[in-house]
Protein backbone atom coordinates (compact mmCIF):
# COMPACT_ATOMS: atom_id res chain seq x y z
CA MET A 1 -10.49 -1.71 -30.40
CA CYS A 2 -7.48 -3.91 -28.33
CA SER A 3 -7.06 -7.76 -29.23
CA CYS A 4 -4.95 -9.42 -26.97
CA THR A 5 -4.12 -12.89 -26.13
CA VAL A 6 -4.07 -13.86 -22.54
CA SER A 7 -3.31 -16.94 -20.91
CA ARG A 8 -5.68 -16.89 -17.30
CA THR A 9 -7.88 -14.51 -15.61
CA ILE A 10 -6.48 -10.95 -15.71
CA PHE A 11 -7.07 -7.19 -14.99
CA LEU A 12 -5.64 -5.55 -18.58
CA ALA A 13 -4.64 -2.17 -19.35
CA CYS A 14 -4.19 -3.12 -23.14
CA LEU A 15 -6.11 -0.24 -25.38
CA ASN A 16 -5.31 0.77 -29.61
CA ASP A 17 -2.82 -1.74 -30.32
CA CYS A 18 -1.47 -5.51 -29.19
CA SER A 19 2.34 -4.51 -28.08
CA THR A 20 1.73 -5.55 -24.05
CA ALA A 21 3.74 -6.76 -22.09
CA ASP A 22 3.39 -9.65 -19.67
CA LEU A 23 4.26 -8.57 -16.09
CA GLY A 24 3.53 -11.95 -14.81
CA LYS A 25 0.32 -12.31 -12.43
CA GLY A 26 -2.37 -11.48 -15.12
CA LEU A 27 -1.07 -7.89 -15.58
CA TYR A 28 -0.40 -6.83 -18.55
CA ILE A 29 0.86 -3.30 -19.76
CA ALA A 30 1.04 -1.26 -22.86
CA PRO A 31 3.31 1.04 -22.54
CA GLY A 32 3.23 4.67 -24.60
CA LEU A 33 -0.02 4.70 -25.70
CA ALA A 34 -1.81 7.83 -27.45
CA LEU A 35 -5.35 7.66 -27.29
CA ASN A 36 -7.63 10.27 -28.39
CA ALA A 37 -9.95 11.80 -25.64
CA ALA A 38 -12.16 12.38 -28.65
CA GLN A 39 -12.83 8.49 -29.24
CA ARG A 40 -14.11 5.73 -27.49
CA TYR A 41 -12.09 2.15 -26.96
CA ARG A 42 -13.06 -0.96 -25.91
CA LEU A 43 -10.79 -3.87 -24.67
CA HIS A 44 -11.15 -7.24 -26.82
CA ILE A 45 -9.18 -10.56 -25.15
CA ARG A 46 -9.00 -13.49 -26.85
CA THR A 47 -7.82 -16.79 -24.48
CA ASN A 48 -5.61 -19.47 -25.28
CA ALA A 49 -8.11 -22.08 -25.07
CA GLY A 50 -10.20 -20.20 -28.29
CA LYS A 51 -13.06 -17.82 -25.79
CA GLU A 52 -13.24 -14.17 -27.08
CA TYR A 53 -14.40 -11.22 -24.84
CA ALA A 54 -14.58 -7.84 -25.37
CA SER A 55 -15.69 -4.61 -23.35
CA ASP A 56 -18.65 -1.87 -23.87
CA TYR A 57 -16.73 0.70 -26.10
CA VAL A 58 -15.93 3.68 -23.30
CA GLU A 59 -15.22 7.38 -22.77
CA LEU A 60 -11.51 8.23 -22.30
CA LYS A 61 -11.30 10.10 -18.48
CA THR A 62 -8.78 12.37 -17.82
CA SER A 63 -7.99 13.30 -14.48
CA PRO A 64 -7.56 16.87 -12.83
CA PRO A 65 -4.21 17.28 -10.80
CA MET A 66 -4.76 16.89 -6.97
CA ASP A 67 -4.74 19.74 -4.64
CA SER A 68 -3.79 18.71 -1.60
CA ILE A 69 -3.52 15.65 0.66
CA ASN A 70 -3.51 16.53 4.32
CA TRP A 71 -4.24 15.11 7.50
CA ILE A 72 -6.29 15.85 10.77
CA ASN A 73 -4.41 14.78 14.82
CA SER A 74 -6.91 13.86 17.21
CA ASN A 75 -7.81 11.94 20.00
CA ALA A 76 -9.71 9.48 17.40
CA GLY A 77 -7.12 9.36 15.64
CA PHE A 78 -4.71 10.35 12.16
CA GLN A 79 -6.82 11.30 9.27
CA ILE A 80 -5.15 11.90 5.78
CA TYR A 81 -7.26 13.02 3.35
CA VAL A 82 -7.40 14.16 -0.14
CA ASN A 83 -8.61 17.89 -2.20
CA THR A 84 -9.32 17.59 -5.51
CA HIS A 85 -11.59 19.77 -8.16
CA ASP A 86 -12.32 19.78 -11.49
CA PRO A 87 -12.86 23.52 -12.66
CA GLN A 88 -14.10 21.99 -16.08
CA ASN A 89 -16.87 20.23 -13.95
CA ALA A 90 -16.21 17.34 -16.26
CA SER A 91 -14.88 14.49 -13.83
CA ARG A 92 -17.46 14.19 -10.92
CA TYR A 93 -16.73 10.56 -10.36
CA TYR A 94 -13.76 9.33 -8.55
CA ARG A 95 -11.61 7.12 -7.34
CA TRP A 96 -8.46 6.50 -5.13
CA GLU A 97 -5.65 3.99 -4.31
CA PHE A 98 -2.59 4.04 -2.41
CA THR A 99 0.52 2.61 -0.90
CA GLU A 100 1.58 3.66 2.12
CA THR A 101 5.71 2.64 3.39
CA TRP A 102 7.05 3.91 6.56
CA GLU A 103 10.58 4.24 8.46
CA PHE A 104 10.98 2.71 12.14
CA HIS A 105 13.49 1.41 14.13
CA ALA A 106 14.06 -1.61 16.70
CA VAL A 107 13.91 -0.86 19.95
CA TYR A 108 17.73 -1.39 20.60
CA TYR A 109 20.40 -0.88 18.86
CA SER A 110 22.77 -4.35 18.49
CA LEU A 111 26.29 -3.18 18.32
CA TYR A 112 27.81 -7.05 17.87
CA GLN A 113 26.96 -10.37 17.17
CA TYR A 114 27.63 -13.78 18.81
CA GLN A 115 29.37 -15.80 16.49
CA ASN A 116 31.12 -18.90 17.44
CA GLY A 117 31.35 -18.92 20.99
CA MET A 118 32.18 -14.89 21.27
CA VAL A 119 30.59 -11.70 21.06
CA VAL A 120 32.40 -9.75 17.96
CA PRO A 121 31.27 -6.18 16.62
CA ARG A 122 28.43 -6.64 14.21
CA LEU A 123 29.46 -4.89 10.57
CA PHE A 124 27.32 -4.21 8.00
CA ASN A 125 24.26 -5.43 9.21
CA ASN A 126 22.24 -2.88 9.59
CA ILE A 127 18.93 -4.37 11.52
CA PHE A 128 18.13 -1.04 13.46
CA THR A 129 16.37 0.75 10.47
CA CYS A 130 14.39 -1.01 8.26
CA TRP A 131 10.42 0.08 5.97
CA GLN A 132 7.54 -1.90 5.84
CA THR A 133 5.05 -1.59 2.93
CA ASN A 134 1.27 -2.00 3.08
CA THR A 135 -1.10 -1.42 0.07
CA PRO A 136 -4.85 -1.81 1.79
CA SER A 137 -7.71 -3.14 -0.70
CA ASN A 138 -10.45 -0.76 0.24
CA ILE A 139 -12.18 0.73 -2.69
CA LEU A 140 -12.50 4.65 -2.20
CA LEU A 141 -14.83 6.30 -3.85
CA GLY A 142 -16.16 10.09 -4.41
CA SER A 143 -18.75 11.66 -5.97
CA SER A 144 -19.87 15.41 -6.75
CA ALA A 145 -22.67 14.99 -9.05
CA LYS A 146 -24.75 16.55 -6.44
CA LEU A 147 -22.77 19.23 -6.31
CA ALA A 148 -23.11 22.60 -8.00
CA GLN A 149 -19.02 22.11 -8.55
CA ASP A 150 -17.41 19.58 -9.16
CA VAL A 151 -15.13 19.98 -5.83
CA ILE A 152 -13.98 16.94 -3.75
CA TYR A 153 -13.05 18.48 0.09
CA GLN A 154 -11.23 16.43 2.85
CA PHE A 155 -12.68 12.63 1.59
CA PRO A 156 -10.74 10.35 3.82
CA LEU A 157 -8.56 8.23 2.59
CA ILE A 158 -7.03 6.45 5.81
CA GLN A 159 -7.18 6.85 9.74
CA LEU A 160 -3.94 5.85 12.31
CA ALA A 161 -4.59 4.80 15.22
CA PRO A 162 -3.42 7.57 18.02
CA ASN A 163 0.71 8.04 17.90
CA THR A 164 0.80 4.94 15.59
CA TRP A 165 4.78 3.48 14.85
CA LYS A 166 3.75 3.90 11.46
CA ILE A 167 4.89 7.42 12.22
CA SER A 168 7.80 6.96 14.56
CA VAL A 169 10.39 8.18 12.55
CA ARG A 170 8.90 8.89 8.68
CA TYR A 171 6.00 8.08 6.69
CA SER A 172 4.65 8.45 3.07
CA MET A 173 1.70 7.94 0.89
CA LEU A 174 1.76 7.50 -2.24
CA LEU A 175 -1.77 8.27 -3.65
CA LYS A 176 -3.29 7.64 -7.08
CA GLN A 177 -6.16 8.92 -8.45
CA TYR A 178 -8.96 8.14 -11.08
CA VAL A 179 -12.06 9.93 -13.09
CA LEU A 180 -14.42 7.05 -13.80
CA THR A 181 -17.71 7.26 -15.74
CA GLU A 182 -20.62 6.85 -13.98
CA ASP A 183 -21.45 3.60 -14.69
CA ALA A 184 -18.00 2.18 -13.93
CA TYR A 185 -18.71 4.34 -10.71
CA ASN A 186 -21.93 2.62 -9.83
CA PHE A 187 -20.15 -0.38 -10.56
CA TRP A 188 -16.64 0.09 -8.35
CA GLN A 189 -19.83 1.44 -5.54
CA GLN A 190 -21.92 -1.98 -5.97
CA LEU A 191 -18.53 -4.01 -5.58
CA GLN A 192 -17.61 -2.01 -2.48
CA LYS A 193 -20.84 -2.78 -0.49
CA ASN A 194 -20.11 -6.09 -1.67
CA SER A 195 -16.99 -6.63 -0.78
CA GLU A 196 -16.49 -4.46 2.38
CA GLN A 197 -20.96 -3.35 3.96
CA VAL A 198 -21.85 -7.03 4.28
CA GLY A 199 -21.26 -8.53 7.61
CA SER A 200 -25.03 -8.65 9.65
CA ILE A 201 -28.31 -8.55 8.94
CA PHE A 202 -28.57 -5.07 8.83
CA SER A 203 -26.13 -5.18 5.94
CA PRO A 204 -26.84 -4.93 2.49
CA GLN A 205 -27.40 -7.73 0.71
CA PRO A 206 -24.40 -8.99 -2.33
CA SER A 207 -26.15 -8.29 -5.51
CA GLU A 208 -24.82 -8.84 -9.00
CA SER A 209 -21.66 -7.11 -10.21
CA ARG A 210 -21.02 -8.26 -13.70
CA GLY A 211 -19.60 -5.20 -15.32
CA ASN A 212 -18.91 -4.84 -18.94
CA ILE A 213 -17.15 -7.14 -19.87
CA ARG A 214 -18.86 -9.99 -21.99
CA ASN A 215 -18.38 -13.22 -23.93
CA LEU A 216 -19.07 -13.27 -27.85
CA ALA A 217 -19.57 -16.06 -28.35
CA ASP A 218 -22.11 -17.13 -25.39
CA SER A 219 -23.87 -14.18 -23.81
CA GLY A 220 -25.21 -16.35 -20.62
CA GLU A 221 -21.88 -16.58 -19.12
CA GLN A 222 -20.90 -14.62 -16.37
CA VAL A 223 -17.89 -12.23 -16.52
CA ILE A 224 -17.24 -10.09 -13.51
CA GLY A 225 -14.80 -6.64 -14.14
CA TYR A 226 -15.02 -3.39 -15.48
CA VAL A 227 -12.95 -2.30 -18.06
CA SER A 228 -12.01 2.22 -17.92
CA ALA A 229 -10.11 4.43 -20.07
CA GLY A 230 -8.18 7.13 -18.96
CA THR A 231 -5.32 9.11 -17.15
CA MET A 232 -3.98 8.65 -13.85
CA ARG A 233 -2.83 11.56 -11.83
CA GLN A 234 -0.44 10.70 -8.33
CA GLN A 235 1.59 12.26 -5.93
CA ARG A 236 3.29 11.11 -2.87
CA ILE A 237 3.13 13.26 0.61
CA TYR A 238 6.19 12.55 3.84
CA ILE A 239 5.16 13.07 6.98
CA THR A 240 7.54 12.92 10.05
CA PRO A 241 7.15 13.56 14.00
CA ASP A 242 7.68 16.83 13.98
CA GLN A 243 5.58 17.94 11.40
CA ILE A 244 2.45 16.86 14.26
CA PRO A 245 2.53 18.71 17.18
CA GLY A 246 2.43 16.58 20.34
CA TRP A 247 3.19 13.34 18.60
CA ARG A 248 4.40 10.94 21.34
CA LEU A 249 7.25 8.52 19.91
CA SER A 250 5.83 4.36 20.05
CA PHE A 251 7.60 1.41 19.23
CA TYR A 252 6.17 -1.50 16.75
CA SER A 253 7.01 -3.65 19.82
CA ASP A 254 5.95 -2.91 23.76
CA GLY A 255 7.32 -4.81 26.18
CA CYS A 256 11.21 -4.45 25.34
CA GLU A 257 13.85 -4.88 28.63
CA GLU A 258 18.03 -5.58 28.38
CA VAL A 259 19.58 -7.38 30.81
CA SER A 260 22.81 -8.21 31.17
CA ILE A 261 24.71 -11.26 31.16
CA PRO A 262 28.72 -12.22 31.93
CA ASN A 263 31.06 -12.33 29.24
CA HIS A 264 31.55 -16.33 29.93
CA PRO A 265 31.20 -19.18 27.87
CA ASP A 266 27.94 -20.94 29.63
CA SER A 267 26.38 -17.54 29.92
CA LEU A 268 26.59 -16.59 26.31
CA LYS A 269 25.63 -19.83 25.46
CA GLU A 270 22.72 -20.23 27.30
CA HIS A 271 21.11 -16.26 25.97
CA LEU A 272 23.06 -15.80 22.67
CA SER A 273 22.73 -18.92 21.08
CA GLY A 274 19.80 -19.94 18.75
CA ASP A 275 17.21 -17.11 17.57
CA GLY A 276 16.09 -15.74 20.68
CA ASN A 277 18.61 -13.12 22.08
CA LEU A 278 20.98 -10.44 20.53
CA PRO A 279 23.86 -9.12 22.42
CA LEU A 280 23.26 -4.97 21.91
CA ASP A 281 26.29 -2.97 24.02
CA GLN A 282 28.88 -3.60 26.64
CA ALA A 283 27.28 -3.12 30.42
CA PRO A 284 28.92 -1.64 33.27
CA ALA A 285 30.54 -4.28 35.32
CA PRO A 286 33.75 -4.22 37.58
CA PRO A 287 36.89 -3.62 36.92
CA GLY A 288 38.57 -6.14 34.73
CA ALA A 289 35.05 -7.75 34.35
CA ILE A 290 33.00 -7.87 30.95
CA ARG A 291 29.56 -7.78 30.60
CA TRP A 292 26.48 -7.76 27.45
CA TRP A 293 23.89 -6.00 27.36
CA ILE A 294 21.68 -8.34 25.48
CA SER A 295 17.66 -8.43 24.43
CA SER A 296 15.23 -10.00 22.73
CA ARG A 297 15.73 -10.09 18.56
CA TYR A 298 12.19 -8.95 18.11
CA CYS A 299 12.91 -5.70 20.04
CA ALA A 300 16.61 -5.86 18.49
CA ASP A 301 16.43 -6.85 14.72
CA CYS A 302 13.88 -4.75 12.86
CA THR A 303 14.02 -7.13 9.85
CA LEU A 304 11.60 -9.39 11.58
CA THR A 305 9.42 -6.94 11.02
CA GLY A 306 10.25 -5.19 8.12
CA THR A 307 13.08 -5.02 5.18
CA ASN A 308 16.69 -3.17 5.93
CA LYS A 309 16.32 -2.45 2.03
CA LYS A 310 15.46 1.16 1.32
CA PRO A 311 13.28 2.06 -0.74
CA TYR A 312 14.75 4.32 -4.00
CA PHE A 313 12.37 6.66 -3.81
CA TRP A 314 13.25 7.57 -0.18
CA PRO A 315 14.57 10.91 0.98
């Protein structure tokens, strides 16, 4: 049994011993656990207020590797799905979660910037290439319990809009797969119904999802949550537009345009002072004159929509 002292409402990964690390925001981790699949485990929580909670003893579940993550492109959208199976027929109940990251470009490349009343070259300040990351909160559950073989085929993970800007340059998904017990699956399924399928008079009514955690001194206290034990499998994929026949390039911003202005102090101040516009490049002009292409900052500065810090895992 694991016993941990905590100071806030938490989701814990703490089994077998108390050598846990506090990662902040209610997240704890116990690295290097050597768990025996033949044994059952529980989580024991002790708060600073002196309350003690414990989960039921749970079976350790081992996730099989995923077979593949693929996609289907159609007029309805871009569907990403996962295939997996357990040749031992011992998994049956699955849960997935994923994080998506995509690289995108600004509509226009700003080679210059406005400083001290002048247009000067933009040095060491990339605002053309950015990345954005998203971790959806929806609950993804799949079961092969009613099938003869433990196979999950083309389980839908996410459907992206047709020609979405998320795949304008490169898109990545990091998918994590867990295997659940039947009780844990039922808890997550009830949580899914309460959080995602309630919203109209024809929707199922919300019901109580207590889970498997109890107050040791007060059985009447309502404790929401479920402790599971098991291994996690993960796989990352990358998708680029050239892998998708007929894919059309799309931008995160519509309605962008560039206009030219004269290289005159009053004109530069009028159009470039403040945060509204950015200089892009020199525009055609009569001999002896200089004009500048400019556009709105939203169309030329990708950091307004994402970050220009390249993820460590990016190719």
